[in-house]
Amino acid sequence: MSQTIVITGLAQGMGREVVKMLAKSGDKIAGFDVDSESITSLKKEFDDIGAEYYLEVLDITDREGILRFRDQVLKKFGRVDTVVSNVGIGFFGPFEEIDLGKALKCLEINVIGAAAIFQAFIPSMRSAGTGKLIAMSSLVGQVPFPFESIYSASKFAISGLVESFQYELSPFGIQVAIIEPAQVSTTFAAKIHNLPPEGSPYRERAGRFIDRDNALIKKATTPVQAAEKIVKVIRSSRLKLHNQVDFMSSFFLFLNKVLPKFMRDMILLNHMDIKV
């Protein structure tokens, strides 16, 4: 049975691969992204396969725009079965040196953006007595990495948000899930990997971290491989709260559960080549 699925940030990377797989199997797709060129090309791909869809160019921080988008989606399709919050931006830098104004933007997009799209569709799901809310988080939402303090904070916040409102929504038949990839071979990290300035006491270690991260990304799970696992989560009739899509996230989360902190810290620092 086909679903009507809303997904934010669907124009590139994992999001694009996910909706292409879903559309090819007959699901109805609704979503938005700020990248107008990629939205246009995605519409063409959907037209070529005869998909049913509703796509907009929209910024996740446009609260009124999200409500208008919701109204148009419900008018076109009648109901929404699943909402996937996939919009997010990265943030990299030594905590001492970060611009807190830019950090606030990251938190606004990653956390409040997810809250806004979920909040918009909860009333219709509650009335229907069923629905699924799926948040794209990260390994660093459970295992914080150095130089990613703000990004880690945003993903910890996503976990707290979803784990909290699950208790409020489960009596109405609404299920929740969190997807926690570590590294996927996209350009996501490259967009934020900027070295601290000359003279920074963090520059050398941050440079080693960037080099190691870039090396890992080259061998990481591809967007298609990650999308295949995300689609399985979307299609599941009984959602699991925490879900991984790659070996690294599964491995580190296992270590996080069984090892004492000093051993976990040693492994992390060695793994990212930033041991002092």
Protein backbone atom coordinates (compact mmCIF):
# COMPACT_ATOMS: atom_id res chain seq x y z
CA MET A 1 0.00 0.00 0.00
CA SER A 2 1.41 3.38 -1.03
CA GLN A 3 2.03 6.15 1.47
CA THR A 4 1.95 9.92 1.27
CA ILE A 5 5.32 11.04 2.58
CA VAL A 6 6.53 14.53 3.43
CA ILE A 7 10.29 15.08 3.49
CA THR A 8 12.19 18.30 3.97
CA GLY A 9 15.58 18.94 2.41
CA LEU A 10 14.95 16.50 -0.41
CA ALA A 11 16.75 18.17 -3.31
CA GLN A 12 20.22 16.69 -2.81
CA GLY A 13 22.17 13.86 -1.18
CA MET A 14 20.41 11.22 0.89
CA GLY A 15 17.07 13.03 0.80
CA ARG A 16 16.97 13.02 -2.99
CA GLU A 17 17.90 9.34 -3.20
CA VAL A 18 15.22 8.46 -0.62
CA VAL A 19 12.38 10.21 -2.45
CA LYS A 20 13.44 8.79 -5.82
CA MET A 21 13.22 5.26 -4.39
CA LEU A 22 9.88 5.96 -2.76
CA ALA A 23 8.40 7.60 -5.86
CA LYS A 24 9.50 4.74 -8.11
CA SER A 25 7.60 2.31 -5.89
CA GLY A 26 4.40 4.34 -6.08
CA ASP A 27 4.49 6.50 -2.96
CA LYS A 28 3.24 10.08 -3.14
CA ILE A 29 5.94 12.62 -2.31
CA ALA A 30 5.63 16.11 -0.87
CA GLY A 31 8.55 18.23 0.18
CA PHE A 32 10.58 21.39 -0.07
CA ASP A 33 14.13 22.69 -0.26
CA VAL A 34 15.84 26.06 -0.67
CA ASP A 35 17.75 24.83 -3.75
CA SER A 36 15.50 25.90 -6.62
CA GLU A 37 17.63 24.38 -9.41
CA SER A 38 17.67 20.98 -7.72
CA ILE A 39 13.93 21.15 -7.07
CA THR A 40 13.38 21.83 -10.79
CA SER A 41 15.53 18.87 -11.83
CA LEU A 42 13.81 16.61 -9.27
CA LYS A 43 10.40 17.59 -10.67
CA LYS A 44 11.60 16.52 -14.11
CA GLU A 45 12.75 13.15 -12.75
CA PHE A 46 9.38 12.67 -11.07
CA ASP A 47 7.54 13.60 -14.27
CA ASP A 48 9.61 11.10 -16.24
CA ILE A 49 8.47 8.24 -13.99
CA GLY A 50 4.88 9.47 -13.60
CA ALA A 51 5.20 10.12 -9.87
CA GLU A 52 2.57 11.92 -7.82
CA TYR A 53 4.22 14.79 -6.01
CA TYR A 54 4.02 18.28 -4.60
CA LEU A 55 7.33 20.17 -4.36
CA GLU A 56 8.09 23.74 -3.32
CA VAL A 57 11.09 26.01 -2.96
CA LEU A 58 10.88 26.97 0.70
CA ASP A 59 13.18 27.84 3.61
CA ILE A 60 12.74 25.76 6.77
CA THR A 61 12.85 28.97 8.84
CA ASP A 62 9.72 30.31 7.09
CA ARG A 63 7.12 29.33 9.69
CA GLU A 64 4.11 30.72 7.84
CA GLY A 65 5.39 29.16 4.62
CA ILE A 66 5.50 25.75 6.30
CA LEU A 67 1.86 26.08 7.36
CA ARG A 68 0.86 27.09 3.83
CA PHE A 69 2.84 24.11 2.50
CA ARG A 70 1.00 21.79 4.93
CA ASP A 71 -2.36 23.13 3.79
CA GLN A 72 -1.51 22.59 0.13
CA VAL A 73 -0.26 19.05 0.77
CA LEU A 74 -3.37 18.05 2.70
CA LYS A 75 -5.58 19.67 0.05
CA LYS A 76 -3.84 17.72 -2.73
CA PHE A 77 -3.44 14.32 -1.05
CA GLY A 78 -6.05 14.33 1.73
CA ARG A 79 -3.70 12.90 4.34
CA VAL A 80 -0.03 12.42 5.21
CA ASP A 81 1.24 9.10 6.54
CA THR A 82 4.88 9.93 7.27
CA VAL A 83 6.90 13.10 7.86
CA VAL A 84 10.68 12.96 7.57
CA SER A 85 12.67 15.94 8.87
CA ASN A 86 15.81 15.92 6.74
CA VAL A 87 16.83 19.59 6.66
CA GLY A 88 20.07 20.35 8.45
CA ILE A 89 23.31 22.27 8.22
CA GLY A 90 26.70 21.42 9.68
CA PHE A 91 28.82 23.53 12.00
CA PHE A 92 32.56 23.16 12.59
CA GLY A 93 35.08 24.97 14.74
CA PRO A 94 36.74 25.21 18.14
CA PHE A 95 34.08 26.19 20.67
CA GLU A 96 36.18 29.06 22.02
CA GLU A 97 36.31 30.70 18.60
CA ILE A 98 32.87 30.10 17.11
CA ASP A 99 30.50 32.90 16.12
CA LEU A 100 27.47 32.44 18.39
CA GLY A 101 25.25 34.29 15.95
CA LYS A 102 26.03 31.68 13.29
CA ALA A 103 25.63 28.96 15.93
CA LEU A 104 22.11 30.23 16.64
CA LYS A 105 21.27 29.88 12.94
CA CYS A 106 22.43 26.26 13.02
CA LEU A 107 20.22 25.52 16.03
CA GLU A 108 17.29 27.33 14.43
CA ILE A 109 17.52 25.26 11.24
CA ASN A 110 18.41 21.89 12.74
CA VAL A 111 16.21 21.89 15.85
CA ILE A 112 13.37 24.38 15.45
CA GLY A 113 13.11 23.48 11.77
CA ALA A 114 12.44 19.85 12.67
CA ALA A 115 9.99 20.95 15.37
CA ALA A 116 8.13 23.16 12.90
CA ILE A 117 7.53 20.52 10.24
CA PHE A 118 6.49 17.92 12.82
CA GLN A 119 4.20 20.33 14.64
CA ALA A 120 2.52 21.31 11.37
CA PHE A 121 1.38 17.76 10.56
CA ILE A 122 0.66 16.36 14.02
CA PRO A 123 -2.97 17.59 14.12
CA SER A 124 -3.97 15.72 10.96
CA MET A 125 -2.17 12.57 12.12
CA ARG A 126 -3.79 12.77 15.54
CA SER A 127 -7.21 13.08 13.92
CA ALA A 128 -6.46 10.08 11.68
CA GLY A 129 -5.21 8.04 14.65
CA THR A 130 -2.01 7.10 12.86
CA GLY A 131 1.23 8.54 11.51
CA LYS A 132 5.01 8.39 11.59
CA LEU A 133 7.48 11.18 12.44
CA ILE A 134 11.09 10.45 11.50
CA ALA A 135 13.98 12.76 12.39
CA MET A 136 17.34 12.71 10.65
CA SER A 137 19.93 13.11 13.40
CA SER A 138 23.54 11.92 13.58
CA LEU A 139 25.99 9.75 15.47
CA VAL A 140 27.13 12.98 17.19
CA GLY A 141 23.66 13.23 18.72
CA GLN A 142 24.80 10.48 21.07
CA VAL A 143 28.60 10.53 20.75
CA PRO A 144 29.84 14.14 20.59
CA PHE A 145 32.89 14.82 18.42
CA PRO A 146 35.44 17.59 19.05
CA PHE A 147 35.19 20.74 16.90
CA GLU A 148 31.49 19.93 16.35
CA SER A 149 30.10 21.24 19.64
CA ILE A 150 27.24 23.25 18.14
CA TYR A 151 26.31 20.61 15.58
CA SER A 152 26.45 17.96 18.32
CA ALA A 153 24.26 20.14 20.52
CA SER A 154 21.68 20.42 17.74
CA LYS A 155 21.56 16.65 17.29
CA PHE A 156 21.39 15.96 21.02
CA ALA A 157 18.45 18.38 21.01
CA ILE A 158 16.75 16.42 18.23
CA SER A 159 17.02 13.23 20.29
CA GLY A 160 15.60 14.97 23.34
CA LEU A 161 12.79 16.51 21.33
CA VAL A 162 11.68 13.25 19.72
CA GLU A 163 12.17 11.06 22.79
CA SER A 164 10.08 13.52 24.81
CA PHE A 165 7.11 14.03 22.51
CA GLN A 166 6.85 10.30 21.72
CA TYR A 167 5.14 9.90 25.12
CA GLU A 168 2.63 12.61 24.22
CA LEU A 169 1.84 11.27 20.77
CA SER A 170 1.84 7.48 21.16
CA PRO A 171 -1.72 7.40 22.61
CA PHE A 172 -2.88 8.83 19.27
CA GLY A 173 -1.20 6.14 17.18
CA ILE A 174 1.72 8.33 16.10
CA GLN A 175 5.10 6.56 15.99
CA VAL A 176 8.54 8.20 16.02
CA ALA A 177 12.05 7.29 14.90
CA ILE A 178 15.51 8.86 14.87
CA ILE A 179 18.06 8.02 12.15
CA GLU A 180 21.70 8.48 13.19
CA PRO A 181 24.26 8.21 10.38
CA ALA A 182 27.96 8.78 11.07
CA GLN A 183 29.49 9.58 7.70
CA VAL A 184 27.94 9.42 4.25
CA SER A 185 29.97 10.21 1.14
CA THR A 186 28.40 13.57 0.29
CA THR A 187 29.72 17.14 0.25
CA PHE A 188 27.97 17.92 3.57
CA ALA A 189 31.16 18.03 5.67
CA ALA A 190 33.30 19.75 3.02
CA LYS A 191 30.98 22.77 3.12
CA ILE A 192 31.84 23.47 6.77
CA HIS A 193 35.45 22.28 7.11
CA ASN A 194 37.26 25.58 7.57
CA LEU A 195 40.58 25.72 9.39
CA PRO A 196 40.84 28.06 12.39
CA PRO A 197 42.89 31.18 11.55
CA GLU A 198 46.67 31.39 11.72
CA GLY A 199 47.75 31.74 15.34
CA SER A 200 44.81 29.77 16.71
CA PRO A 201 45.89 27.27 19.40
CA TYR A 202 43.44 24.80 17.82
CA ARG A 203 44.57 25.10 14.19
CA GLU A 204 46.93 22.11 14.04
CA ARG A 205 44.58 19.62 15.72
CA ALA A 206 41.58 20.87 13.73
CA GLY A 207 43.59 20.38 10.56
CA ARG A 208 44.33 16.79 11.51
CA PHE A 209 40.65 16.24 12.26
CA ILE A 210 39.63 17.61 8.84
CA ASP A 211 42.19 15.46 7.01
CA ARG A 212 41.04 12.35 8.85
CA ASP A 213 37.37 13.14 8.30
CA ASN A 214 37.92 13.67 4.57
CA ALA A 215 39.74 10.33 4.35
CA LEU A 216 36.91 8.53 6.12
CA ILE A 217 34.25 10.16 3.93
CA LYS A 218 35.93 8.77 0.78
CA LYS A 219 35.30 5.24 2.09
CA ALA A 220 31.95 5.97 3.74
CA THR A 221 28.48 4.69 2.97
CA THR A 222 27.13 6.16 -0.27
CA PRO A 223 23.91 8.23 -0.39
CA VAL A 224 22.20 5.36 -2.23
CA GLN A 225 23.25 2.79 0.39
CA ALA A 226 22.09 5.08 3.20
CA ALA A 227 18.83 5.80 1.38
CA GLU A 228 18.04 2.10 1.06
CA LYS A 229 18.20 1.74 4.84
CA ILE A 230 16.22 4.93 5.44
CA VAL A 231 13.49 3.69 3.11
CA LYS A 232 13.28 0.48 5.16
CA VAL A 233 12.68 2.59 8.27
CA ILE A 234 9.98 4.60 6.49
CA ARG A 235 8.25 1.43 5.32
CA SER A 236 8.39 -0.32 8.70
CA SER A 237 5.00 -0.87 10.32
CA ARG A 238 6.57 -0.67 13.80
CA LEU A 239 9.25 1.99 14.12
CA LYS A 240 12.37 1.48 16.23
CA LEU A 241 13.40 4.63 18.10
CA HIS A 242 17.13 4.65 17.20
CA ASN A 243 18.30 3.58 13.73
CA GLN A 244 21.76 3.44 12.12
CA VAL A 245 22.57 3.33 8.41
CA ASP A 246 26.33 2.64 8.44
CA PHE A 247 28.91 0.55 10.25
CA MET A 248 30.71 3.43 11.94
CA SER A 249 27.62 4.72 13.73
CA SER A 250 26.66 1.21 14.86
CA PHE A 251 30.22 0.54 16.07
CA PHE A 252 30.62 3.76 18.05
CA LEU A 253 27.16 3.49 19.61
CA PHE A 254 27.98 -0.06 20.71
CA LEU A 255 31.22 1.14 22.29
CA ASN A 256 29.32 3.98 23.92
CA LYS A 257 27.13 1.45 25.70
CA VAL A 258 29.75 -1.05 26.87
CA LEU A 259 33.01 0.82 27.52
CA PRO A 260 33.94 3.21 30.33
CA LYS A 261 34.31 6.83 29.30
CA PHE A 262 38.11 7.00 29.41
CA MET A 263 38.35 4.13 26.92
CA ARG A 264 35.71 5.64 24.64
CA ASP A 265 37.57 8.96 24.69
CA MET A 266 40.88 7.29 23.85
CA ILE A 267 39.34 5.44 20.90
CA LEU A 268 37.66 8.58 19.58
CA LEU A 269 40.79 10.73 19.79
CA ASN A 270 42.89 8.07 18.08
CA HIS A 271 40.24 7.40 15.45
CA MET A 272 40.10 11.09 14.45
CA ASP A 273 43.89 11.54 14.76
CA ILE A 274 43.69 14.37 17.30
CA LYS A 275 45.43 12.87 20.28
CA VAL A 276 47.69 15.45 21.90
